[in-house]
Every structure is written in structure tokens, then in C-alpha cells.
């Protein structure tokens, strides 16, 4: 389970695919430029996760076998940007913000569908309803971060047009 937020841009996905066929080096530069534009967004979202264990039962085991353990360093490192995403209703997102760490995604989304367990009620009591982590930064993501990413995309589109026009 991963938590995601995405921005949709029409045409760039096709342009990047064409660019990948013609010049993979330029495509990698373009995708890295888009990811770099979202670096501040990743930092902002990662800082929303608590420094300490949300609940005592979420501690990593000494043997390392707890899959849903909450390790703040791993949780914050798990917030990443991915180019692309799942096709939903004919729209393919270009940029998707993902929580790759299972413990972080669990903290963020536990109780979204069914909040009846004691564990979820305890999380709700300390941190509020589900969508506790990255989703609380929605206004920032849809505001400044989207502007930064759109500026990078515009630059990439112009560069791609010049490269394809040669």
C-alpha cells in the first residue's frame, strides 16, 4: 500500500516517450530536472511525519522482522517523486508523490476505510483522522510545489521540442 498524490500534464508523457526512443540521455536529464523541481516538496511533506513513534506497537523489532514498523528515518526517506503513475479514467499522471515505506503509509492512511479498531482510534486521538502525513500538505503541494514542477515541465517541453526538431 502506498500513499500517492499526483499532478496531470497532457502531452508531456507522450513527448518523454518519444524522446526516450530518440535520445535516452536527454530523457533522463528531463526526468531528473522534473524530480529536482519537486525536491522542496518532498522535504516539506517528509517533515510532516512525527519524530517519535506514533504508538508503542509500531516500534521496529530487534530482529528487523516488523513489516509495518515506524522508523522515522526510513519513513522520511520513503517520500519520493515518481515520474508517471496509474492510468485513472483515461488520465495518466506525470508526477506522483509516493510514500514507499509501509510503516509511513500505514501511519498516514490507517482507518481511512474502517476506523473501528482500537489501534486506529488511538492514532486518531493523537494525530487526527486518516491522511495524517503527506496528505496534510495538500495545499502546499497544489500551490507552490505544482508551480515549481510546472515551470520545470515547461522547460523540459521546450528542450524536448528543440531536440525533436533537430
C-alpha atoms as a PDB file:
ATOM      1  CA  UNK A   1       0.000   0.000   0.000  1.00  0.00           C
ATOM      2  CA  UNK A   2       1.452   3.384  -0.898  1.00  0.00           C
ATOM      3  CA  UNK A   3       0.040   6.852  -0.431  1.00  0.00           C
ATOM      4  CA  UNK A   4       0.103   8.971  -3.591  1.00  0.00           C
ATOM      5  CA  UNK A   5      -0.660  12.477  -4.792  1.00  0.00           C
ATOM      6  CA  UNK A   6      -0.318  13.316  -8.484  1.00  0.00           C
ATOM      7  CA  UNK A   7      -0.388  16.183 -10.985  1.00  0.00           C
ATOM      8  CA  UNK A   8      -1.606  15.597 -14.529  1.00  0.00           C
ATOM      9  CA  UNK A   9       0.045  17.195 -17.566  1.00  0.00           C
ATOM     10  CA  UNK A  10      -1.317  16.480 -21.026  1.00  0.00           C
ATOM     11  CA  UNK A  11       1.211  15.708 -23.771  1.00  0.00           C
ATOM     12  CA  UNK A  12       4.426  15.555 -21.788  1.00  0.00           C
ATOM     13  CA  UNK A  13       4.172  11.814 -21.163  1.00  0.00           C
ATOM     14  CA  UNK A  14       3.997  11.202 -24.918  1.00  0.00           C
ATOM     15  CA  UNK A  15       6.837  13.667 -25.542  1.00  0.00           C
ATOM     16  CA  UNK A  16       9.034  11.940 -22.959  1.00  0.00           C
ATOM     17  CA  UNK A  17       8.251   8.544 -24.502  1.00  0.00           C
ATOM     18  CA  UNK A  18       9.238   9.824 -27.958  1.00  0.00           C
ATOM     19  CA  UNK A  19      12.352  11.430 -26.523  1.00  0.00           C
ATOM     20  CA  UNK A  20      13.258   8.134 -24.862  1.00  0.00           C
ATOM     21  CA  UNK A  21      13.126   6.412 -28.255  1.00  0.00           C
ATOM     22  CA  UNK A  22      15.362   9.037 -29.857  1.00  0.00           C
ATOM     23  CA  UNK A  23      17.743  10.088 -27.096  1.00  0.00           C
ATOM     24  CA  UNK A  24      17.677   8.333 -23.717  1.00  0.00           C
ATOM     25  CA  UNK A  25      20.353  10.601 -22.224  1.00  0.00           C
ATOM     26  CA  UNK A  26      18.203  13.695 -22.811  1.00  0.00           C
ATOM     27  CA  UNK A  27      15.138  11.882 -21.453  1.00  0.00           C
ATOM     28  CA  UNK A  28      16.951  11.046 -18.212  1.00  0.00           C
ATOM     29  CA  UNK A  29      18.092  14.664 -17.900  1.00  0.00           C
ATOM     30  CA  UNK A  30      14.482  15.806 -18.399  1.00  0.00           C
ATOM     31  CA  UNK A  31      13.038  13.432 -15.798  1.00  0.00           C
ATOM     32  CA  UNK A  32      15.777  14.338 -13.318  1.00  0.00           C
ATOM     33  CA  UNK A  33      15.037  18.043 -13.827  1.00  0.00           C
ATOM     34  CA  UNK A  34      11.354  17.423 -13.047  1.00  0.00           C
ATOM     35  CA  UNK A  35      12.245  15.382  -9.954  1.00  0.00           C
ATOM     36  CA  UNK A  36      14.684  18.077  -8.796  1.00  0.00           C
ATOM     37  CA  UNK A  37      11.942  20.711  -9.076  1.00  0.00           C
ATOM     38  CA  UNK A  38       9.921  18.703  -6.566  1.00  0.00           C
ATOM     39  CA  UNK A  39      12.763  18.253  -4.049  1.00  0.00           C
ATOM     40  CA  UNK A  40      11.455  21.010  -1.775  1.00  0.00           C
ATOM     41  CA  UNK A  41       8.006  19.416  -1.902  1.00  0.00           C
ATOM     42  CA  UNK A  42       9.467  16.065  -0.811  1.00  0.00           C
ATOM     43  CA  UNK A  43      11.295  17.738   2.089  1.00  0.00           C
ATOM     44  CA  UNK A  44       8.168  19.626   3.153  1.00  0.00           C
ATOM     45  CA  UNK A  45       5.985  16.509   3.057  1.00  0.00           C
ATOM     46  CA  UNK A  46       8.572  14.308   4.793  1.00  0.00           C
ATOM     47  CA  UNK A  47       8.757  16.759   7.681  1.00  0.00           C
ATOM     48  CA  UNK A  48       5.031  16.184   8.395  1.00  0.00           C
ATOM     49  CA  UNK A  49       5.726  12.737   9.861  1.00  0.00           C
ATOM     50  CA  UNK A  50       6.319  12.658  13.648  1.00  0.00           C
ATOM     51  CA  UNK A  51       9.837  12.314  15.100  1.00  0.00           C
ATOM     52  CA  UNK A  52       8.785   9.739  17.669  1.00  0.00           C
ATOM     53  CA  UNK A  53       6.815   6.510  17.423  1.00  0.00           C
ATOM     54  CA  UNK A  54       3.139   7.245  16.784  1.00  0.00           C
ATOM     55  CA  UNK A  55       2.102   4.336  19.030  1.00  0.00           C
ATOM     56  CA  UNK A  56       4.140   1.889  21.075  1.00  0.00           C
ATOM     57  CA  UNK A  57       3.127  -1.095  18.923  1.00  0.00           C
ATOM     58  CA  UNK A  58       4.782   0.429  15.852  1.00  0.00           C
ATOM     59  CA  UNK A  59       8.375   0.058  17.118  1.00  0.00           C
ATOM     60  CA  UNK A  60      10.821  -1.811  14.876  1.00  0.00           C
ATOM     61  CA  UNK A  61      11.744  -5.220  16.265  1.00  0.00           C
ATOM     62  CA  UNK A  62      15.338  -6.012  17.176  1.00  0.00           C
ATOM     63  CA  UNK A  63      15.325  -8.793  14.616  1.00  0.00           C
ATOM     64  CA  UNK A  64      14.097  -6.424  11.905  1.00  0.00           C
ATOM     65  CA  UNK A  65      11.050  -8.506  11.047  1.00  0.00           C
ATOM     66  CA  UNK A  66       8.268  -5.981  11.712  1.00  0.00           C
ATOM     67  CA  UNK A  67       6.981  -5.002   8.278  1.00  0.00           C
ATOM     68  CA  UNK A  68       4.790  -2.106   9.419  1.00  0.00           C
ATOM     69  CA  UNK A  69       7.342  -0.707  11.867  1.00  0.00           C
ATOM     70  CA  UNK A  70       7.661   3.065  12.092  1.00  0.00           C
ATOM     71  CA  UNK A  71      11.295   4.146  11.727  1.00  0.00           C
ATOM     72  CA  UNK A  72      11.306   7.928  11.260  1.00  0.00           C
ATOM     73  CA  UNK A  73      14.418   7.943   9.038  1.00  0.00           C
ATOM     74  CA  UNK A  74      13.024   5.251   6.739  1.00  0.00           C
ATOM     75  CA  UNK A  75       9.582   6.889   6.701  1.00  0.00           C
ATOM     76  CA  UNK A  76      11.004  10.264   5.696  1.00  0.00           C
ATOM     77  CA  UNK A  77      13.304   8.673   3.134  1.00  0.00           C
ATOM     78  CA  UNK A  78      10.268   6.796   1.750  1.00  0.00           C
ATOM     79  CA  UNK A  79       8.647  10.031   0.498  1.00  0.00           C
ATOM     80  CA  UNK A  80       9.709  10.213  -3.153  1.00  0.00           C
ATOM     81  CA  UNK A  81       8.655  11.570  -6.517  1.00  0.00           C
ATOM     82  CA  UNK A  82       7.921   9.155  -9.328  1.00  0.00           C
ATOM     83  CA  UNK A  83       7.548  10.139 -12.957  1.00  0.00           C
ATOM     84  CA  UNK A  84       4.336   8.562 -14.206  1.00  0.00           C
ATOM     85  CA  UNK A  85       1.633   6.673 -12.396  1.00  0.00           C
ATOM     86  CA  UNK A  86      -1.517   4.612 -12.846  1.00  0.00           C
ATOM     87  CA  UNK A  87      -3.998   5.418 -15.591  1.00  0.00           C
ATOM     88  CA  UNK A  88      -7.207   6.624 -13.938  1.00  0.00           C
ATOM     89  CA  UNK A  89     -10.234   7.488 -16.057  1.00  0.00           C
ATOM     90  CA  UNK A  90      -8.046   7.988 -19.121  1.00  0.00           C
ATOM     91  CA  UNK A  91      -5.683  10.404 -17.310  1.00  0.00           C
ATOM     92  CA  UNK A  92      -2.075   9.404 -16.772  1.00  0.00           C
ATOM     93  CA  UNK A  93      -0.356  11.453 -14.071  1.00  0.00           C
ATOM     94  CA  UNK A  94       3.113  12.711 -14.893  1.00  0.00           C
ATOM     95  CA  UNK A  95       4.349  13.357 -11.359  1.00  0.00           C
ATOM     96  CA  UNK A  96       3.287  11.187  -8.434  1.00  0.00           C
ATOM     97  CA  UNK A  97       4.331  11.767  -4.833  1.00  0.00           C
ATOM     98  CA  UNK A  98       4.665   8.390  -3.105  1.00  0.00           C
ATOM     99  CA  UNK A  99       5.287   7.079   0.408  1.00  0.00           C
ATOM    100  CA  UNK A 100       7.263   3.894  -0.276  1.00  0.00           C
ATOM    101  CA  UNK A 101       7.719   2.901   3.352  1.00  0.00           C
ATOM    102  CA  UNK A 102       4.968   0.597   4.598  1.00  0.00           C
ATOM    103  CA  UNK A 103       5.090   1.985   8.148  1.00  0.00           C
ATOM    104  CA  UNK A 104       4.729   5.546   6.851  1.00  0.00           C
ATOM    105  CA  UNK A 105       1.847   4.654   4.543  1.00  0.00           C
ATOM    106  CA  UNK A 106       0.185   2.749   7.390  1.00  0.00           C
ATOM    107  CA  UNK A 107       0.508   5.749   9.737  1.00  0.00           C
ATOM    108  CA  UNK A 108      -0.840   8.047   7.028  1.00  0.00           C
ATOM    109  CA  UNK A 109      -3.839   6.017   5.874  1.00  0.00           C
ATOM    110  CA  UNK A 110      -4.804   3.655   8.727  1.00  0.00           C
ATOM    111  CA  UNK A 111      -8.530   3.978   9.342  1.00  0.00           C
ATOM    112  CA  UNK A 112      -9.382   5.615   6.023  1.00  0.00           C
ATOM    113  CA  UNK A 113     -11.967   2.942   5.198  1.00  0.00           C
ATOM    114  CA  UNK A 114     -12.731   1.478   8.613  1.00  0.00           C
ATOM    115  CA  UNK A 115     -11.811   3.323  11.792  1.00  0.00           C
ATOM    116  CA  UNK A 116     -13.375   0.886  14.226  1.00  0.00           C
ATOM    117  CA  UNK A 117     -10.235  -0.831  15.605  1.00  0.00           C
ATOM    118  CA  UNK A 118      -8.665   0.285  18.868  1.00  0.00           C
ATOM    119  CA  UNK A 119      -5.352   0.881  17.091  1.00  0.00           C
ATOM    120  CA  UNK A 120      -6.954   3.317  14.633  1.00  0.00           C
ATOM    121  CA  UNK A 121      -8.895   5.059  17.413  1.00  0.00           C
ATOM    122  CA  UNK A 122      -5.610   5.579  19.302  1.00  0.00           C
ATOM    123  CA  UNK A 123      -3.952   7.011  16.172  1.00  0.00           C
ATOM    124  CA  UNK A 124      -6.969   9.263  15.582  1.00  0.00           C
ATOM    125  CA  UNK A 125      -6.780  10.505  19.156  1.00  0.00           C
ATOM    126  CA  UNK A 126      -3.126  11.519  18.897  1.00  0.00           C
ATOM    127  CA  UNK A 127      -2.799  12.636  15.265  1.00  0.00           C
ATOM    128  CA  UNK A 128      -6.295  13.183  13.888  1.00  0.00           C
ATOM    129  CA  UNK A 129      -8.237  11.267  11.270  1.00  0.00           C
ATOM    130  CA  UNK A 130      -6.638   9.272   8.437  1.00  0.00           C
ATOM    131  CA  UNK A 131      -4.477  11.152   5.947  1.00  0.00           C
ATOM    132  CA  UNK A 132      -2.182  12.209   8.772  1.00  0.00           C
ATOM    133  CA  UNK A 133       1.148  12.526   6.941  1.00  0.00           C
ATOM    134  CA  UNK A 134       1.734  13.623   3.380  1.00  0.00           C
ATOM    135  CA  UNK A 135      -1.921  14.341   2.718  1.00  0.00           C
ATOM    136  CA  UNK A 136      -1.942  17.188   5.276  1.00  0.00           C
ATOM    137  CA  UNK A 137       0.398  19.093   2.911  1.00  0.00           C
ATOM    138  CA  UNK A 138      -2.153  19.173   0.072  1.00  0.00           C
ATOM    139  CA  UNK A 139      -2.391  22.981  -0.003  1.00  0.00           C
ATOM    140  CA  UNK A 140       1.394  23.315  -0.338  1.00  0.00           C
ATOM    141  CA  UNK A 141       1.597  20.558  -2.944  1.00  0.00           C
ATOM    142  CA  UNK A 142      -1.153  22.012  -5.105  1.00  0.00           C
ATOM    143  CA  UNK A 143       0.230  25.524  -4.607  1.00  0.00           C
ATOM    144  CA  UNK A 144       3.932  26.278  -4.735  1.00  0.00           C
ATOM    145  CA  UNK A 145       5.207  22.765  -5.490  1.00  0.00           C
ATOM    146  CA  UNK A 146       2.943  22.438  -8.521  1.00  0.00           C
ATOM    147  CA  UNK A 147       4.189  25.819  -9.793  1.00  0.00           C
ATOM    148  CA  UNK A 148       7.811  24.688  -9.414  1.00  0.00           C
ATOM    149  CA  UNK A 149       7.155  21.398 -11.187  1.00  0.00           C
ATOM    150  CA  UNK A 150       5.130  23.073 -13.953  1.00  0.00           C
ATOM    151  CA  UNK A 151       7.998  25.527 -14.565  1.00  0.00           C
ATOM    152  CA  UNK A 152      10.410  22.590 -14.877  1.00  0.00           C
ATOM    153  CA  UNK A 153       7.975  20.783 -17.185  1.00  0.00           C
ATOM    154  CA  UNK A 154       7.686  23.871 -19.396  1.00  0.00           C
ATOM    155  CA  UNK A 155      11.466  23.995 -19.651  1.00  0.00           C
ATOM    156  CA  UNK A 156      11.621  20.263 -20.424  1.00  0.00           C
ATOM    157  CA  UNK A 157       8.881  20.616 -23.080  1.00  0.00           C
ATOM    158  CA  UNK A 158      10.807  23.438 -24.767  1.00  0.00           C
ATOM    159  CA  UNK A 159      14.031  21.435 -24.670  1.00  0.00           C
ATOM    160  CA  UNK A 160      12.222  18.352 -25.976  1.00  0.00           C
ATOM    161  CA  UNK A 161      10.716  20.373 -28.847  1.00  0.00           C
ATOM    162  CA  UNK A 162      14.167  21.668 -29.768  1.00  0.00           C
ATOM    163  CA  UNK A 163      15.666  18.160 -29.567  1.00  0.00           C
ATOM    164  CA  UNK A 164      12.884  16.568 -31.621  1.00  0.00           C
ATOM    165  CA  UNK A 165      13.024  19.445 -34.135  1.00  0.00           C
ATOM    166  CA  UNK A 166      16.712  18.845 -34.956  1.00  0.00           C
END
